[in-house]
């Protein structure tokens, strides 16, 4: 996964559904991981969770090399 800048130059934020699809992990598992503090770092915007691509990439690299 590479960081994809948007037209505004900001980093793309993935929805939980997009992250679920990308990782092949159920949405419910991602919610559980968030509660347990073991998943990728997310940003809460109002009631919505968003996952910065760089945080997902860092989390994956830690899983690969940790």
PDB file of N, CA and C in Angstrom:
ATOM      1  N   UNK A   1       0.859  -1.180   0.000  1.00  0.00           N
ATOM      2  CA  UNK A   1       0.000   0.000   0.000  1.00  0.00           C
ATOM      3  C   UNK A   1       0.894   1.228   0.000  1.00  0.00           C
ATOM      4  N   UNK A   2       0.643   2.112  -0.922  1.00  0.00           N
ATOM      5  CA  UNK A   2       1.364   3.379  -0.936  1.00  0.00           C
ATOM      6  C   UNK A   2       0.405   4.481  -0.528  1.00  0.00           C
ATOM      7  N   UNK A   3       0.958   5.524   0.055  1.00  0.00           N
ATOM      8  CA  UNK A   3       0.123   6.653   0.447  1.00  0.00           C
ATOM      9  C   UNK A   3      -0.335   7.369  -0.806  1.00  0.00           C
ATOM     10  N   UNK A   4      -1.623   7.544  -0.923  1.00  0.00           N
ATOM     11  CA  UNK A   4      -2.203   8.181  -2.092  1.00  0.00           C
ATOM     12  C   UNK A   4      -2.686   9.572  -1.724  1.00  0.00           C
ATOM     13  N   UNK A   5      -1.977  10.612  -2.196  1.00  0.00           N
ATOM     14  CA  UNK A   5      -2.472  11.958  -1.904  1.00  0.00           C
ATOM     15  C   UNK A   5      -3.771  12.209  -2.665  1.00  0.00           C
ATOM     16  N   UNK A   6      -4.644  12.952  -2.056  1.00  0.00           N
ATOM     17  CA  UNK A   6      -5.882  13.328  -2.732  1.00  0.00           C
ATOM     18  C   UNK A   6      -5.628  14.588  -3.543  1.00  0.00           C
ATOM     19  N   UNK A   7      -6.655  15.059  -4.216  1.00  0.00           N
ATOM     20  CA  UNK A   7      -6.504  16.280  -5.015  1.00  0.00           C
ATOM     21  C   UNK A   7      -6.121  17.477  -4.147  1.00  0.00           C
ATOM     22  N   UNK A   8      -6.429  17.408  -2.850  1.00  0.00           N
ATOM     23  CA  UNK A   8      -6.076  18.509  -1.951  1.00  0.00           C
ATOM     24  C   UNK A   8      -4.652  18.378  -1.418  1.00  0.00           C
ATOM     25  N   UNK A   9      -4.001  17.252  -1.719  1.00  0.00           N
ATOM     26  CA  UNK A   9      -2.651  17.024  -1.225  1.00  0.00           C
ATOM     27  C   UNK A   9      -2.625  16.325   0.121  1.00  0.00           C
ATOM     28  N   UNK A  10      -3.800  16.101   0.717  1.00  0.00           N
ATOM     29  CA  UNK A  10      -3.871  15.413   2.000  1.00  0.00           C
ATOM     30  C   UNK A  10      -3.843  13.907   1.783  1.00  0.00           C
ATOM     31  N   UNK A  11      -3.398  13.204   2.795  1.00  0.00           N
ATOM     32  CA  UNK A  11      -3.358  11.750   2.757  1.00  0.00           C
ATOM     33  C   UNK A  11      -4.775  11.182   2.718  1.00  0.00           C
ATOM     34  N   UNK A  12      -4.939  10.110   1.981  1.00  0.00           N
ATOM     35  CA  UNK A  12      -6.247   9.460   1.890  1.00  0.00           C
ATOM     36  C   UNK A  12      -6.572   8.761   3.208  1.00  0.00           C
ATOM     37  N   UNK A  13      -7.829   8.857   3.617  1.00  0.00           N
ATOM     38  CA  UNK A  13      -8.321   8.191   4.813  1.00  0.00           C
ATOM     39  C   UNK A  13      -9.274   7.083   4.388  1.00  0.00           C
ATOM     40  N   UNK A  14      -8.994   5.862   4.830  1.00  0.00           N
ATOM     41  CA  UNK A  14      -9.817   4.715   4.478  1.00  0.00           C
ATOM     42  C   UNK A  14     -10.987   4.575   5.446  1.00  0.00           C
ATOM     43  N   UNK A  15     -12.135   4.200   4.926  1.00  0.00           N
ATOM     44  CA  UNK A  15     -13.246   3.857   5.803  1.00  0.00           C
ATOM     45  C   UNK A  15     -12.980   2.463   6.368  1.00  0.00           C
ATOM     46  N   UNK A  16     -13.726   2.096   7.388  1.00  0.00           N
ATOM     47  CA  UNK A  16     -13.542   0.773   7.968  1.00  0.00           C
ATOM     48  C   UNK A  16     -13.926  -0.317   6.952  1.00  0.00           C
ATOM     49  N   UNK A  17     -14.909  -0.037   6.102  1.00  0.00           N
ATOM     50  CA  UNK A  17     -15.302  -0.990   5.063  1.00  0.00           C
ATOM     51  C   UNK A  17     -14.182  -1.168   4.033  1.00  0.00           C
ATOM     52  N   UNK A  18     -13.533  -0.054   3.656  1.00  0.00           N
ATOM     53  CA  UNK A  18     -12.419  -0.137   2.699  1.00  0.00           C
ATOM     54  C   UNK A  18     -11.251  -0.915   3.294  1.00  0.00           C
ATOM     55  N   UNK A  19     -10.953  -0.657   4.564  1.00  0.00           N
ATOM     56  CA  UNK A  19      -9.861  -1.370   5.216  1.00  0.00           C
ATOM     57  C   UNK A  19     -10.193  -2.848   5.350  1.00  0.00           C
ATOM     58  N   UNK A  20     -11.433  -3.155   5.689  1.00  0.00           N
ATOM     59  CA  UNK A  20     -11.886  -4.535   5.781  1.00  0.00           C
ATOM     60  C   UNK A  20     -11.680  -5.262   4.457  1.00  0.00           C
ATOM     61  N   UNK A  21     -12.081  -4.621   3.378  1.00  0.00           N
ATOM     62  CA  UNK A  21     -11.928  -5.204   2.043  1.00  0.00           C
ATOM     63  C   UNK A  21     -10.454  -5.381   1.690  1.00  0.00           C
ATOM     64  N   UNK A  22      -9.641  -4.378   1.967  1.00  0.00           N
ATOM     65  CA  UNK A  22      -8.211  -4.428   1.652  1.00  0.00           C
ATOM     66  C   UNK A  22      -7.504  -5.552   2.396  1.00  0.00           C
ATOM     67  N   UNK A  23      -7.804  -5.691   3.702  1.00  0.00           N
ATOM     68  CA  UNK A  23      -7.125  -6.694   4.519  1.00  0.00           C
ATOM     69  C   UNK A  23      -7.781  -8.067   4.449  1.00  0.00           C
ATOM     70  N   UNK A  24      -9.022  -8.121   3.976  1.00  0.00           N
ATOM     71  CA  UNK A  24      -9.753  -9.376   3.984  1.00  0.00           C
ATOM     72  C   UNK A  24     -10.144  -9.786   5.399  1.00  0.00           C
ATOM     73  N   UNK A  25     -10.390  -8.786   6.237  1.00  0.00           N
ATOM     74  CA  UNK A  25     -10.742  -8.986   7.645  1.00  0.00           C
ATOM     75  C   UNK A  25     -12.157  -8.451   7.845  1.00  0.00           C
ATOM     76  N   UNK A  26     -13.014  -9.169   8.571  1.00  0.00           N
ATOM     77  CA  UNK A  26     -14.371  -8.654   8.809  1.00  0.00           C
ATOM     78  C   UNK A  26     -14.365  -7.319   9.565  1.00  0.00           C
ATOM     79  N   UNK A  27     -15.332  -6.484   9.261  1.00  0.00           N
ATOM     80  CA  UNK A  27     -15.475  -5.190   9.925  1.00  0.00           C
ATOM     81  C   UNK A  27     -15.562  -5.382  11.437  1.00  0.00           C
ATOM     82  N   UNK A  28     -16.309  -6.387  11.878  1.00  0.00           N
ATOM     83  CA  UNK A  28     -16.457  -6.638  13.325  1.00  0.00           C
ATOM     84  C   UNK A  28     -15.107  -6.890  13.979  1.00  0.00           C
ATOM     85  N   UNK A  29     -14.220  -7.592  13.292  1.00  0.00           N
ATOM     86  CA  UNK A  29     -12.878  -7.849  13.832  1.00  0.00           C
ATOM     87  C   UNK A  29     -12.100  -6.550  13.960  1.00  0.00           C
ATOM     88  N   UNK A  30     -12.220  -5.674  12.975  1.00  0.00           N
ATOM     89  CA  UNK A  30     -11.528  -4.384  13.045  1.00  0.00           C
ATOM     90  C   UNK A  30     -12.023  -3.557  14.215  1.00  0.00           C
ATOM     91  N   UNK A  31     -13.328  -3.588  14.475  1.00  0.00           N
ATOM     92  CA  UNK A  31     -13.873  -2.890  15.650  1.00  0.00           C
ATOM     93  C   UNK A  31     -13.317  -3.508  16.935  1.00  0.00           C
ATOM     94  N   UNK A  32     -13.260  -4.835  16.996  1.00  0.00           N
ATOM     95  CA  UNK A  32     -12.708  -5.513  18.173  1.00  0.00           C
ATOM     96  C   UNK A  32     -11.246  -5.133  18.374  1.00  0.00           C
ATOM     97  N   UNK A  33     -10.480  -5.133  17.293  1.00  0.00           N
ATOM     98  CA  UNK A  33      -9.065  -4.771  17.385  1.00  0.00           C
ATOM     99  C   UNK A  33      -8.904  -3.349  17.897  1.00  0.00           C
ATOM    100  N   UNK A  34      -9.784  -2.449  17.466  1.00  0.00           N
ATOM    101  CA  UNK A  34      -9.703  -1.051  17.932  1.00  0.00           C
ATOM    102  C   UNK A  34      -9.930  -0.984  19.430  1.00  0.00           C
ATOM    103  N   UNK A  35     -10.943  -1.686  19.922  1.00  0.00           N
ATOM    104  CA  UNK A  35     -11.244  -1.706  21.353  1.00  0.00           C
ATOM    105  C   UNK A  35     -10.067  -2.305  22.139  1.00  0.00           C
ATOM    106  N   UNK A  36      -9.463  -3.360  21.580  1.00  0.00           N
ATOM    107  CA  UNK A  36      -8.349  -4.038  22.244  1.00  0.00           C
ATOM    108  C   UNK A  36      -7.006  -3.332  22.051  1.00  0.00           C
ATOM    109  N   UNK A  37      -6.967  -2.315  21.162  1.00  0.00           N
ATOM    110  CA  UNK A  37      -5.734  -1.565  20.917  1.00  0.00           C
ATOM    111  C   UNK A  37      -4.689  -2.319  20.120  1.00  0.00           C
ATOM    112  N   UNK A  38      -5.130  -3.259  19.285  1.00  0.00           N
ATOM    113  CA  UNK A  38      -4.160  -4.059  18.527  1.00  0.00           C
ATOM    114  C   UNK A  38      -4.195  -3.805  17.018  1.00  0.00           C
ATOM    115  N   UNK A  39      -5.159  -3.052  16.539  1.00  0.00           N
ATOM    116  CA  UNK A  39      -5.272  -2.794  15.106  1.00  0.00           C
ATOM    117  C   UNK A  39      -4.554  -1.523  14.706  1.00  0.00           C
ATOM    118  N   UNK A  40      -4.667  -1.166  13.431  1.00  0.00           N
ATOM    119  CA  UNK A  40      -4.050   0.078  12.974  1.00  0.00           C
ATOM    120  C   UNK A  40      -4.706   1.284  13.635  1.00  0.00           C
ATOM    121  N   UNK A  41      -3.940   2.329  13.779  1.00  0.00           N
ATOM    122  CA  UNK A  41      -4.429   3.561  14.406  1.00  0.00           C
ATOM    123  C   UNK A  41      -5.499   4.203  13.516  1.00  0.00           C
ATOM    124  N   UNK A  42      -6.565   4.644  14.158  1.00  0.00           N
ATOM    125  CA  UNK A  42      -7.672   5.282  13.439  1.00  0.00           C
ATOM    126  C   UNK A  42      -7.910   6.676  13.992  1.00  0.00           C
ATOM    127  N   UNK A  43      -8.580   7.482  13.183  1.00  0.00           N
ATOM    128  CA  UNK A  43      -8.981   8.822  13.574  1.00  0.00           C
ATOM    129  C   UNK A  43     -10.504   8.813  13.644  1.00  0.00           C
ATOM    130  N   UNK A  44     -11.045   9.342  14.717  1.00  0.00           N
ATOM    131  CA  UNK A  44     -12.504   9.430  14.829  1.00  0.00           C
ATOM    132  C   UNK A  44     -12.928  10.828  14.410  1.00  0.00           C
ATOM    133  N   UNK A  45     -13.779  10.888  13.411  1.00  0.00           N
ATOM    134  CA  UNK A  45     -14.310  12.144  12.888  1.00  0.00           C
ATOM    135  C   UNK A  45     -15.814  12.126  13.105  1.00  0.00           C
ATOM    136  N   UNK A  46     -16.246  12.767  14.168  1.00  0.00           N
ATOM    137  CA  UNK A  46     -17.649  12.659  14.544  1.00  0.00           C
ATOM    138  C   UNK A  46     -17.921  11.231  14.977  1.00  0.00           C
ATOM    139  N   UNK A  47     -18.839  10.561  14.303  1.00  0.00           N
ATOM    140  CA  UNK A  47     -19.144   9.166  14.611  1.00  0.00           C
ATOM    141  C   UNK A  47     -18.406   8.201  13.692  1.00  0.00           C
ATOM    142  N   UNK A  48     -17.671   8.718  12.723  1.00  0.00           N
ATOM    143  CA  UNK A  48     -17.006   7.877  11.726  1.00  0.00           C
ATOM    144  C   UNK A  48     -15.547   7.620  12.077  1.00  0.00           C
ATOM    145  N   UNK A  49     -15.104   6.400  11.793  1.00  0.00           N
ATOM    146  CA  UNK A  49     -13.687   6.056  11.922  1.00  0.00           C
ATOM    147  C   UNK A  49     -13.044   6.151  10.549  1.00  0.00           C
ATOM    148  N   UNK A  50     -11.850   6.695  10.529  1.00  0.00           N
ATOM    149  CA  UNK A  50     -11.070   6.742   9.295  1.00  0.00           C
ATOM    150  C   UNK A  50      -9.654   6.295   9.614  1.00  0.00           C
ATOM    151  N   UNK A  51      -9.057   5.582   8.681  1.00  0.00           N
ATOM    152  CA  UNK A  51      -7.722   5.029   8.856  1.00  0.00           C
ATOM    153  C   UNK A  51      -6.763   5.677   7.861  1.00  0.00           C
ATOM    154  N   UNK A  52      -5.835   6.519   8.333  1.00  0.00           N
ATOM    155  CA  UNK A  52      -4.843   7.093   7.418  1.00  0.00           C
ATOM    156  C   UNK A  52      -4.013   5.969   6.797  1.00  0.00           C
ATOM    157  N   UNK A  53      -3.792   6.059   5.502  1.00  0.00           N
ATOM    158  CA  UNK A  53      -3.024   5.025   4.810  1.00  0.00           C
ATOM    159  C   UNK A  53      -1.661   4.811   5.440  1.00  0.00           C
ATOM    160  N   UNK A  54      -1.009   5.887   5.889  1.00  0.00           N
ATOM    161  CA  UNK A  54       0.322   5.747   6.483  1.00  0.00           C
ATOM    162  C   UNK A  54       0.272   4.945   7.783  1.00  0.00           C
ATOM    163  N   UNK A  55      -0.796   5.077   8.558  1.00  0.00           N
ATOM    164  CA  UNK A  55      -0.938   4.309   9.808  1.00  0.00           C
ATOM    165  C   UNK A  55      -1.163   2.837   9.506  1.00  0.00           C
ATOM    166  N   UNK A  56      -1.936   2.557   8.469  1.00  0.00           N
ATOM    167  CA  UNK A  56      -2.158   1.167   8.065  1.00  0.00           C
ATOM    168  C   UNK A  56      -0.845   0.558   7.599  1.00  0.00           C
ATOM    169  N   UNK A  57      -0.093   1.293   6.789  1.00  0.00           N
ATOM    170  CA  UNK A  57       1.194   0.805   6.280  1.00  0.00           C
ATOM    171  C   UNK A  57       2.157   0.535   7.433  1.00  0.00           C
ATOM    172  N   UNK A  58       2.254   1.468   8.385  1.00  0.00           N
ATOM    173  CA  UNK A  58       3.144   1.300   9.536  1.00  0.00           C
ATOM    174  C   UNK A  58       2.746   0.082  10.342  1.00  0.00           C
ATOM    175  N   UNK A  59       1.461  -0.095  10.587  1.00  0.00           N
ATOM    176  CA  UNK A  59       0.961  -1.234  11.352  1.00  0.00           C
ATOM    177  C   UNK A  59       1.304  -2.547  10.646  1.00  0.00           C
ATOM    178  N   UNK A  60       1.117  -2.582   9.324  1.00  0.00           N
ATOM    179  CA  UNK A  60       1.446  -3.794   8.562  1.00  0.00           C
ATOM    180  C   UNK A  60       2.939  -4.096   8.624  1.00  0.00           C
ATOM    181  N   UNK A  61       3.773  -3.075   8.498  1.00  0.00           N
ATOM    182  CA  UNK A  61       5.227  -3.271   8.560  1.00  0.00           C
ATOM    183  C   UNK A  61       5.635  -3.795   9.934  1.00  0.00           C
ATOM    184  N   UNK A  62       5.003  -3.281  10.997  1.00  0.00           N
ATOM    185  CA  UNK A  62       5.301  -3.788  12.343  1.00  0.00           C
ATOM    186  C   UNK A  62       4.920  -5.253  12.473  1.00  0.00           C
ATOM    187  N   UNK A  63       3.807  -5.644  11.854  1.00  0.00           N
ATOM    188  CA  UNK A  63       3.370  -7.047  11.889  1.00  0.00           C
ATOM    189  C   UNK A  63       4.340  -7.935  11.107  1.00  0.00           C
ATOM    190  N   UNK A  64       4.865  -7.415  10.007  1.00  0.00           N
ATOM    191  CA  UNK A  64       5.795  -8.204   9.193  1.00  0.00           C
ATOM    192  C   UNK A  64       7.158  -8.364   9.850  1.00  0.00           C
ATOM    193  N   UNK A  65       7.619  -7.313  10.517  1.00  0.00           N
ATOM    194  CA  UNK A  65       8.981  -7.294  11.060  1.00  0.00           C
ATOM    195  C   UNK A  65       9.043  -7.407  12.569  1.00  0.00           C
ATOM    196  N   UNK A  66       7.884  -7.476  13.223  1.00  0.00           N
ATOM    197  CA  UNK A  66       7.855  -7.477  14.687  1.00  0.00           C
ATOM    198  C   UNK A  66       7.750  -8.833  15.219  1.00  0.00           C
TER     199      UNK A  66
END
